[in-house]
Amino acid sequence: MFRQEKQRMYDKVNWPQRYDPKTSALYALNDIDVKAPPEVVWKLLVDAENWSSYFPSEDHVKILSGETVLELGTKYSRVTVGFPMTLNVTEYEPFTRLSWETTVDGDETGSSAYHGWVITPTKNGSHVLTEETQQGPFFLDELGYKHPGALYRYHQDWVERLARAAEAEVAKPAA
């Protein structure tokens, strides 16, 4: 006889129909267990203008709509792998869900992306899952043909650095 362990199921991103992974040109899923509570992970994730403090690649983020952190409806810009982009937060459920829609500035092909984060409490902290789909000629050419696998690698680096930053926050002595 063998014993089958019960596997925990994690929520996934709530996809708008046009960004469903089944119909998108590019898709990446990355996840990680973090030894920090969802509130600590969340605080780092919504503080977009300071992402570069733990993820140097995101050093050109600017909130355009007046908020100090991301929230529902926040519009912001960033330069990712050399391309300026405009983003809009479309889902915001504190400590649990954050998603945004992306367009590439100056791209006339109508290409767009949808990026979501899901944070689930666990016995030892939290589970962080991020998924992104990309559609249209721009993304297909840049990340599909020229740099296959780049979307997955970029997000893997991001979740690993986010986990380390959250765990370092928890390890700080109380002031």
Protein backbone atom coordinates (compact mmCIF):
# COMPACT_ATOMS: atom_id res chain seq x y z
CA MET A 1 0.00 0.00 0.00
CA PHE A 2 1.07 3.57 -0.53
CA ARG A 3 0.04 6.72 1.19
CA GLN A 4 -1.07 9.59 -0.96
CA GLU A 5 -0.47 13.01 0.51
CA LYS A 6 -3.15 15.61 0.12
CA GLN A 7 -1.88 18.32 -2.17
CA ARG A 8 -2.88 21.90 -1.46
CA MET A 9 -4.56 23.63 -4.37
CA TYR A 10 -3.73 27.28 -4.90
CA ASP A 11 -5.95 29.84 -6.53
CA LYS A 12 -4.96 31.08 -9.94
CA VAL A 13 -5.34 34.43 -11.63
CA ASN A 14 -8.87 35.55 -12.55
CA TRP A 15 -8.47 35.96 -16.29
CA PRO A 16 -10.45 38.41 -18.38
CA GLN A 17 -11.67 36.41 -21.38
CA ARG A 18 -9.35 38.10 -23.87
CA TYR A 19 -6.29 37.12 -21.78
CA ASP A 20 -7.19 33.49 -21.14
CA PRO A 21 -3.97 31.42 -21.24
CA LYS A 22 -5.64 28.96 -23.63
CA THR A 23 -5.90 31.66 -26.30
CA SER A 24 -2.79 33.74 -25.58
CA ALA A 25 0.41 33.72 -27.59
CA LEU A 26 2.63 33.64 -24.50
CA TYR A 27 2.00 32.42 -20.96
CA ALA A 28 4.15 32.02 -17.85
CA LEU A 29 3.36 30.71 -14.37
CA ASN A 30 5.81 31.09 -11.50
CA ASP A 31 5.27 30.38 -7.83
CA ILE A 32 7.18 30.14 -4.59
CA ASP A 33 6.65 29.46 -0.90
CA VAL A 34 7.65 32.41 1.27
CA LYS A 35 8.42 32.33 4.98
CA ALA A 36 6.57 35.60 5.54
CA PRO A 37 2.88 36.37 6.02
CA PRO A 38 0.77 37.65 3.10
CA GLU A 39 0.71 41.18 4.58
CA VAL A 40 4.50 41.46 4.29
CA VAL A 41 4.55 40.15 0.72
CA TRP A 42 1.64 42.43 -0.20
CA LYS A 43 3.35 45.54 1.16
CA LEU A 44 6.37 44.90 -1.09
CA LEU A 45 4.22 44.11 -4.11
CA VAL A 46 1.99 47.20 -4.03
CA ASP A 47 4.96 49.54 -3.41
CA ALA A 48 5.72 49.59 -7.14
CA GLU A 49 7.98 52.63 -7.17
CA ASN A 50 10.29 50.77 -4.78
CA TRP A 51 10.34 47.36 -6.52
CA SER A 52 13.94 48.06 -7.48
CA SER A 53 14.92 47.87 -3.78
CA TYR A 54 14.73 44.09 -4.14
CA PHE A 55 14.38 43.61 -7.92
CA PRO A 56 16.87 45.94 -9.67
CA SER A 57 15.38 45.27 -13.13
CA GLU A 58 12.30 47.28 -12.13
CA ASP A 59 14.06 50.60 -11.59
CA HIS A 60 11.86 52.75 -13.84
CA VAL A 61 8.42 52.52 -12.23
CA LYS A 62 6.33 55.66 -11.80
CA ILE A 63 2.76 55.89 -10.53
CA LEU A 64 0.91 58.31 -12.81
CA SER A 65 -2.49 58.58 -11.11
CA GLY A 66 -1.48 60.13 -7.79
CA GLU A 67 -1.49 57.16 -5.40
CA THR A 68 1.61 56.26 -3.40
CA VAL A 69 1.11 52.50 -3.86
CA LEU A 70 -0.83 50.36 -6.32
CA GLU A 71 -4.57 50.08 -5.79
CA LEU A 72 -7.59 49.41 -8.00
CA GLY A 73 -7.48 51.76 -11.00
CA THR A 74 -3.90 52.92 -10.46
CA LYS A 75 -2.20 53.87 -13.69
CA TYR A 76 1.56 53.60 -13.78
CA SER A 77 4.47 53.32 -16.16
CA ARG A 78 7.55 51.18 -16.18
CA VAL A 79 10.41 50.27 -18.44
CA THR A 80 10.78 46.52 -18.62
CA VAL A 81 13.68 44.95 -20.50
CA GLY A 82 14.18 48.25 -22.31
CA PHE A 83 10.58 48.87 -23.36
CA PRO A 84 8.41 51.65 -21.89
CA MET A 85 4.97 50.41 -20.88
CA THR A 86 1.75 51.80 -19.45
CA LEU A 87 -0.19 49.72 -16.93
CA ASN A 88 -3.54 49.83 -15.20
CA VAL A 89 -4.42 47.89 -12.03
CA THR A 90 -7.59 45.92 -12.82
CA GLU A 91 -7.87 43.66 -9.76
CA TYR A 92 -7.04 44.56 -6.19
CA GLU A 93 -7.96 42.38 -3.25
CA PRO A 94 -5.71 43.35 -0.31
CA PHE A 95 -3.22 40.68 0.79
CA THR A 96 -4.63 38.23 -1.78
CA ARG A 97 -4.89 39.39 -5.41
CA LEU A 98 -3.31 42.04 -7.63
CA SER A 99 -3.52 42.20 -11.42
CA TRP A 100 -2.78 44.72 -14.13
CA GLU A 101 -3.17 45.16 -17.86
CA THR A 102 -0.19 46.33 -19.90
CA THR A 103 0.31 48.06 -23.22
CA VAL A 104 3.67 48.90 -24.77
CA ASP A 105 4.13 52.63 -25.38
CA GLY A 106 4.45 53.37 -29.08
CA ASP A 107 3.38 49.87 -30.17
CA GLU A 108 0.79 50.21 -32.92
CA THR A 109 0.08 46.48 -33.22
CA GLY A 110 -2.43 46.39 -30.36
CA SER A 111 -0.30 44.01 -28.33
CA SER A 112 -1.14 43.76 -24.64
CA ALA A 113 -0.46 41.68 -21.57
CA TYR A 114 -2.18 40.74 -18.33
CA HIS A 115 -0.19 40.03 -15.18
CA GLY A 116 -1.70 38.71 -11.97
CA TRP A 117 -0.46 37.84 -8.50
CA VAL A 118 -2.17 35.54 -6.00
CA ILE A 119 -0.99 35.34 -2.39
CA THR A 120 -2.27 32.44 -0.29
CA PRO A 121 -1.61 32.08 3.45
CA THR A 122 0.20 28.88 4.42
CA LYS A 123 1.25 27.27 7.67
CA ASN A 124 4.76 28.73 7.32
CA GLY A 125 3.94 32.06 5.69
CA SER A 126 2.49 32.39 2.23
CA HIS A 127 2.47 30.97 -1.26
CA VAL A 128 3.00 33.49 -4.06
CA LEU A 129 1.86 32.69 -7.56
CA THR A 130 2.23 34.97 -10.56
CA GLU A 131 0.90 34.39 -14.05
CA GLU A 132 1.09 36.46 -17.19
CA THR A 133 -0.30 36.17 -20.67
CA GLN A 134 0.81 38.24 -23.61
CA GLN A 135 -0.89 38.73 -26.93
CA GLY A 136 -0.08 40.42 -30.19
CA PRO A 137 2.79 40.77 -32.64
CA PHE A 138 5.04 42.89 -30.40
CA PHE A 139 5.19 40.36 -27.53
CA LEU A 140 5.28 37.38 -29.87
CA ASP A 141 8.27 38.82 -31.71
CA GLU A 142 10.21 40.15 -28.67
CA LEU A 143 9.58 37.40 -26.15
CA GLY A 144 8.32 34.53 -28.28
CA TYR A 145 10.81 34.47 -31.12
CA LYS A 146 13.80 36.61 -30.10
CA HIS A 147 13.95 35.55 -26.43
CA PRO A 148 12.03 32.31 -25.86
CA GLY A 149 11.57 31.54 -22.17
CA ALA A 150 12.48 35.09 -21.12
CA LEU A 151 9.07 35.81 -19.57
CA TYR A 152 9.30 32.75 -17.33
CA ARG A 153 12.92 33.50 -16.33
CA TYR A 154 12.17 37.17 -15.57
CA HIS A 155 9.24 36.25 -13.33
CA GLN A 156 11.17 33.48 -11.62
CA ASP A 157 13.88 35.95 -10.70
CA TRP A 158 11.17 38.38 -9.48
CA VAL A 159 9.37 35.86 -7.23
CA GLU A 160 12.66 34.63 -5.76
CA ARG A 161 13.80 38.17 -4.98
CA LEU A 162 10.36 39.07 -3.61
CA ALA A 163 10.52 36.03 -1.32
CA ARG A 164 13.99 36.96 -0.04
CA ALA A 165 12.92 40.58 0.57
CA ALA A 166 9.76 39.50 2.45
CA GLU A 167 11.71 37.01 4.56
CA ALA A 168 14.31 39.70 5.34
CA GLU A 169 11.49 42.04 6.49
CA VAL A 170 10.22 39.37 8.89
CA ALA A 171 13.74 38.77 10.21
CA LYS A 172 14.31 42.47 11.06
CA PRO A 173 14.31 43.18 14.79
CA ALA A 174 11.33 45.18 16.01
CA ALA A 175 12.09 48.89 16.32
